[in-house]
Each structure stands twice: as C-alpha cells, then as structure tokens.
Amino acid sequence: GVRGFHNHKLELYSEGSSQRNTLTREKKEDIKKMEASMTQPKRMRKSLNDNYDDHHNMKQVYNETSKVRLQRLGGIKPMQWTLKESQKLEYFVECEFNIDRHTNQQA
C-alpha cells in the first residue's frame, strides 16, 4: 500500500493518470493520423477519450504530437527545420554591417 502523509486525498480512479493510463501503439497511430490532418490537440484528446473510453490528459497528447512532428521533420525542431528550408530556398541574403551602421549587400 501507500504509506506516509499526503496533502490531498489519494485518487480512487485511474482516469487521467498518465502512469496508469498510457498511450497504446494504436492510440499513438491515431494521434499520428490526426496530427497529419492538422487536428487541434483538444480535439485529438476528445477523440481518444470518446473512441477508447479512456481519459487522457493534454500533456500526453502534446508530448506525442511533439514526437510525431520531430520524427516527420527528420529529428530536428520546427524552427531549425524552417531555417534550413529557408536557406535551401535562398530566402536569406548575406549582409555585412559597416561602422557607420549602413548595410551593404554582398552579391
């Protein structure tokens, strides 16, 4: 059993507990499909709770969508990916600043 003093009542049900109510492979696949179709996280959570009769919290959904996004972007974070793609498209122009604070573009 659980021993010691607590400043709150112990939970009677495991609903919403991330330790007892982990995401299964099937649920992770559903999140992956919903993330690909740009579904909002709160709608993902509602769908999981309705379809599986479980009660997952938003942290679980956010963590899984973050993993899916990281995998989709080749292991780099979204901002890093954006900068990398911008460089490929030559979006950035190389500049040099003079002492008099005027900018000279380099060709």
C-alpha atoms as a PDB file:
ATOM      1  CA  GLY A   1       0.000   0.000   0.000  1.00  0.00           C
ATOM      2  CA  VAL A   2       0.820   3.678   0.073  1.00  0.00           C
ATOM      3  CA  ARG A   3       2.354   4.967   3.273  1.00  0.00           C
ATOM      4  CA  GLY A   4       3.097   8.426   4.553  1.00  0.00           C
ATOM      5  CA  PHE A   5       1.271  11.703   4.785  1.00  0.00           C
ATOM      6  CA  HIS A   6      -0.294  13.457   1.819  1.00  0.00           C
ATOM      7  CA  ASN A   7      -1.769  16.927   1.470  1.00  0.00           C
ATOM      8  CA  HIS A   8      -4.553  15.573  -0.737  1.00  0.00           C
ATOM      9  CA  LYS A   9      -6.828  12.573  -0.947  1.00  0.00           C
ATOM     10  CA  LEU A  10      -5.484   9.684  -2.970  1.00  0.00           C
ATOM     11  CA  GLU A  11      -7.155   9.140  -6.314  1.00  0.00           C
ATOM     12  CA  LEU A  12      -9.861   6.500  -6.357  1.00  0.00           C
ATOM     13  CA  TYR A  13      -9.885   6.056 -10.132  1.00  0.00           C
ATOM     14  CA  SER A  14      -7.025   5.897 -12.595  1.00  0.00           C
ATOM     15  CA  GLU A  15      -8.762   8.163 -15.131  1.00  0.00           C
ATOM     16  CA  GLY A  16      -6.418  10.856 -16.330  1.00  0.00           C
ATOM     17  CA  SER A  17      -3.410   9.340 -14.602  1.00  0.00           C
ATOM     18  CA  SER A  18      -0.574   9.329 -17.119  1.00  0.00           C
ATOM     19  CA  GLN A  19       1.194   6.466 -15.351  1.00  0.00           C
ATOM     20  CA  ARG A  20      -1.765   4.109 -15.335  1.00  0.00           C
ATOM     21  CA  ASN A  21      -3.395   5.344 -18.500  1.00  0.00           C
ATOM     22  CA  THR A  22      -0.536   5.313 -21.008  1.00  0.00           C
ATOM     23  CA  LEU A  23      -0.991   5.644 -24.745  1.00  0.00           C
ATOM     24  CA  THR A  24      -1.018   2.322 -26.577  1.00  0.00           C
ATOM     25  CA  ARG A  25       0.513   1.821 -30.027  1.00  0.00           C
ATOM     26  CA  GLU A  26      -2.970   2.034 -31.556  1.00  0.00           C
ATOM     27  CA  LYS A  27      -3.690   5.354 -29.828  1.00  0.00           C
ATOM     28  CA  LYS A  28      -0.311   6.722 -30.913  1.00  0.00           C
ATOM     29  CA  GLU A  29      -1.132   5.816 -34.523  1.00  0.00           C
ATOM     30  CA  ASP A  30      -4.449   7.647 -34.219  1.00  0.00           C
ATOM     31  CA  ILE A  31      -2.647  10.728 -32.894  1.00  0.00           C
ATOM     32  CA  LYS A  32      -0.179  10.493 -35.789  1.00  0.00           C
ATOM     33  CA  LYS A  33      -3.042  10.441 -38.324  1.00  0.00           C
ATOM     34  CA  MET A  34      -4.837  13.323 -36.615  1.00  0.00           C
ATOM     35  CA  GLU A  35      -1.621  15.368 -36.429  1.00  0.00           C
ATOM     36  CA  ALA A  36      -1.072  14.839 -40.165  1.00  0.00           C
ATOM     37  CA  SER A  37      -4.561  16.206 -40.845  1.00  0.00           C
ATOM     38  CA  MET A  38      -3.853  19.296 -38.669  1.00  0.00           C
ATOM     39  CA  THR A  39      -6.349  18.348 -35.943  1.00  0.00           C
ATOM     40  CA  GLN A  40      -6.205  20.555 -32.861  1.00  0.00           C
ATOM     41  CA  PRO A  41      -4.802  18.832 -29.741  1.00  0.00           C
ATOM     42  CA  LYS A  42      -8.013  19.373 -27.747  1.00  0.00           C
ATOM     43  CA  ARG A  43      -9.968  17.582 -30.492  1.00  0.00           C
ATOM     44  CA  MET A  44      -7.394  14.762 -30.512  1.00  0.00           C
ATOM     45  CA  ARG A  45      -7.886  14.314 -26.787  1.00  0.00           C
ATOM     46  CA  LYS A  46     -11.662  14.288 -27.132  1.00  0.00           C
ATOM     47  CA  SER A  47     -11.458  11.738 -29.944  1.00  0.00           C
ATOM     48  CA  LEU A  48      -9.207   9.454 -27.889  1.00  0.00           C
ATOM     49  CA  ASN A  49     -11.449   9.743 -24.856  1.00  0.00           C
ATOM     50  CA  ASP A  50     -14.580   9.041 -26.915  1.00  0.00           C
ATOM     51  CA  ASN A  51     -13.183   6.205 -29.050  1.00  0.00           C
ATOM     52  CA  TYR A  52     -11.320   4.323 -26.334  1.00  0.00           C
ATOM     53  CA  ASP A  53     -13.419   5.166 -23.282  1.00  0.00           C
ATOM     54  CA  ASP A  54     -10.283   6.418 -21.545  1.00  0.00           C
ATOM     55  CA  HIS A  55      -9.422   9.756 -20.041  1.00  0.00           C
ATOM     56  CA  HIS A  56      -6.109  11.065 -21.294  1.00  0.00           C
ATOM     57  CA  ASN A  57      -4.711  14.445 -20.372  1.00  0.00           C
ATOM     58  CA  MET A  58      -3.473  17.181 -22.694  1.00  0.00           C
ATOM     59  CA  LYS A  59       0.147  16.641 -21.688  1.00  0.00           C
ATOM     60  CA  GLN A  60       0.049  13.130 -23.152  1.00  0.00           C
ATOM     61  CA  VAL A  61      -1.383  14.442 -26.426  1.00  0.00           C
ATOM     62  CA  TYR A  62       1.121  17.325 -26.632  1.00  0.00           C
ATOM     63  CA  ASN A  63       4.064  15.022 -25.907  1.00  0.00           C
ATOM     64  CA  GLU A  64       3.012  12.519 -28.561  1.00  0.00           C
ATOM     65  CA  THR A  65       2.349  15.185 -31.228  1.00  0.00           C
ATOM     66  CA  SER A  66       5.770  16.647 -30.457  1.00  0.00           C
ATOM     67  CA  LYS A  67       7.383  13.236 -31.023  1.00  0.00           C
ATOM     68  CA  VAL A  68       5.450  12.769 -34.281  1.00  0.00           C
ATOM     69  CA  ARG A  69       6.460  16.225 -35.529  1.00  0.00           C
ATOM     70  CA  LEU A  70      10.102  15.656 -34.595  1.00  0.00           C
ATOM     71  CA  GLN A  71      10.092  12.356 -36.483  1.00  0.00           C
ATOM     72  CA  ARG A  72       8.411  13.932 -39.523  1.00  0.00           C
ATOM     73  CA  LEU A  73      10.989  16.746 -39.632  1.00  0.00           C
ATOM     74  CA  GLY A  74      13.921  14.346 -39.602  1.00  0.00           C
ATOM     75  CA  GLY A  75      14.862  14.716 -35.956  1.00  0.00           C
ATOM     76  CA  ILE A  76      15.197  18.499 -35.875  1.00  0.00           C
ATOM     77  CA  LYS A  77      12.940  21.013 -34.153  1.00  0.00           C
ATOM     78  CA  PRO A  78      10.397  23.027 -36.197  1.00  0.00           C
ATOM     79  CA  MET A  79      12.367  26.297 -36.031  1.00  0.00           C
ATOM     80  CA  GLN A  80      15.585  24.564 -37.103  1.00  0.00           C
ATOM     81  CA  TRP A  81      13.715  22.943 -39.988  1.00  0.00           C
ATOM     82  CA  THR A  82      12.272  26.324 -41.033  1.00  0.00           C
ATOM     83  CA  LEU A  83      15.718  27.930 -41.087  1.00  0.00           C
ATOM     84  CA  LYS A  84      17.181  25.000 -43.025  1.00  0.00           C
ATOM     85  CA  GLU A  85      14.423  25.140 -45.651  1.00  0.00           C
ATOM     86  CA  SER A  86      14.755  28.941 -45.886  1.00  0.00           C
ATOM     87  CA  GLN A  87      18.444  28.569 -46.669  1.00  0.00           C
ATOM     88  CA  LYS A  88      17.683  25.992 -49.376  1.00  0.00           C
ATOM     89  CA  LEU A  89      15.277  28.455 -50.997  1.00  0.00           C
ATOM     90  CA  GLU A  90      17.880  31.230 -50.684  1.00  0.00           C
ATOM     91  CA  TYR A  91      15.487  33.270 -48.593  1.00  0.00           C
ATOM     92  CA  PHE A  92      18.298  34.856 -46.611  1.00  0.00           C
ATOM     93  CA  VAL A  93      20.660  37.451 -48.043  1.00  0.00           C
ATOM     94  CA  GLU A  94      24.147  37.714 -46.615  1.00  0.00           C
ATOM     95  CA  CYS A  95      24.797  41.185 -45.215  1.00  0.00           C
ATOM     96  CA  GLU A  96      27.692  43.000 -43.619  1.00  0.00           C
ATOM     97  CA  PHE A  97      27.417  45.956 -41.260  1.00  0.00           C
ATOM     98  CA  ASN A  98      29.805  48.902 -41.541  1.00  0.00           C
ATOM     99  CA  ILE A  99      30.871  51.055 -38.616  1.00  0.00           C
ATOM    100  CA  ASP A 100      28.607  53.875 -39.784  1.00  0.00           C
ATOM    101  CA  ARG A 101      25.696  51.399 -39.408  1.00  0.00           C
ATOM    102  CA  HIS A 102      24.794  51.279 -43.087  1.00  0.00           C
ATOM    103  CA  THR A 103      24.175  47.906 -44.634  1.00  0.00           C
ATOM    104  CA  ASN A 104      25.971  46.719 -47.747  1.00  0.00           C
ATOM    105  CA  GLN A 105      24.569  43.689 -49.521  1.00  0.00           C
ATOM    106  CA  GLN A 106      27.066  41.211 -50.851  1.00  0.00           C
ATOM    107  CA  ALA A 107      26.433  39.654 -54.234  1.00  0.00           C
END
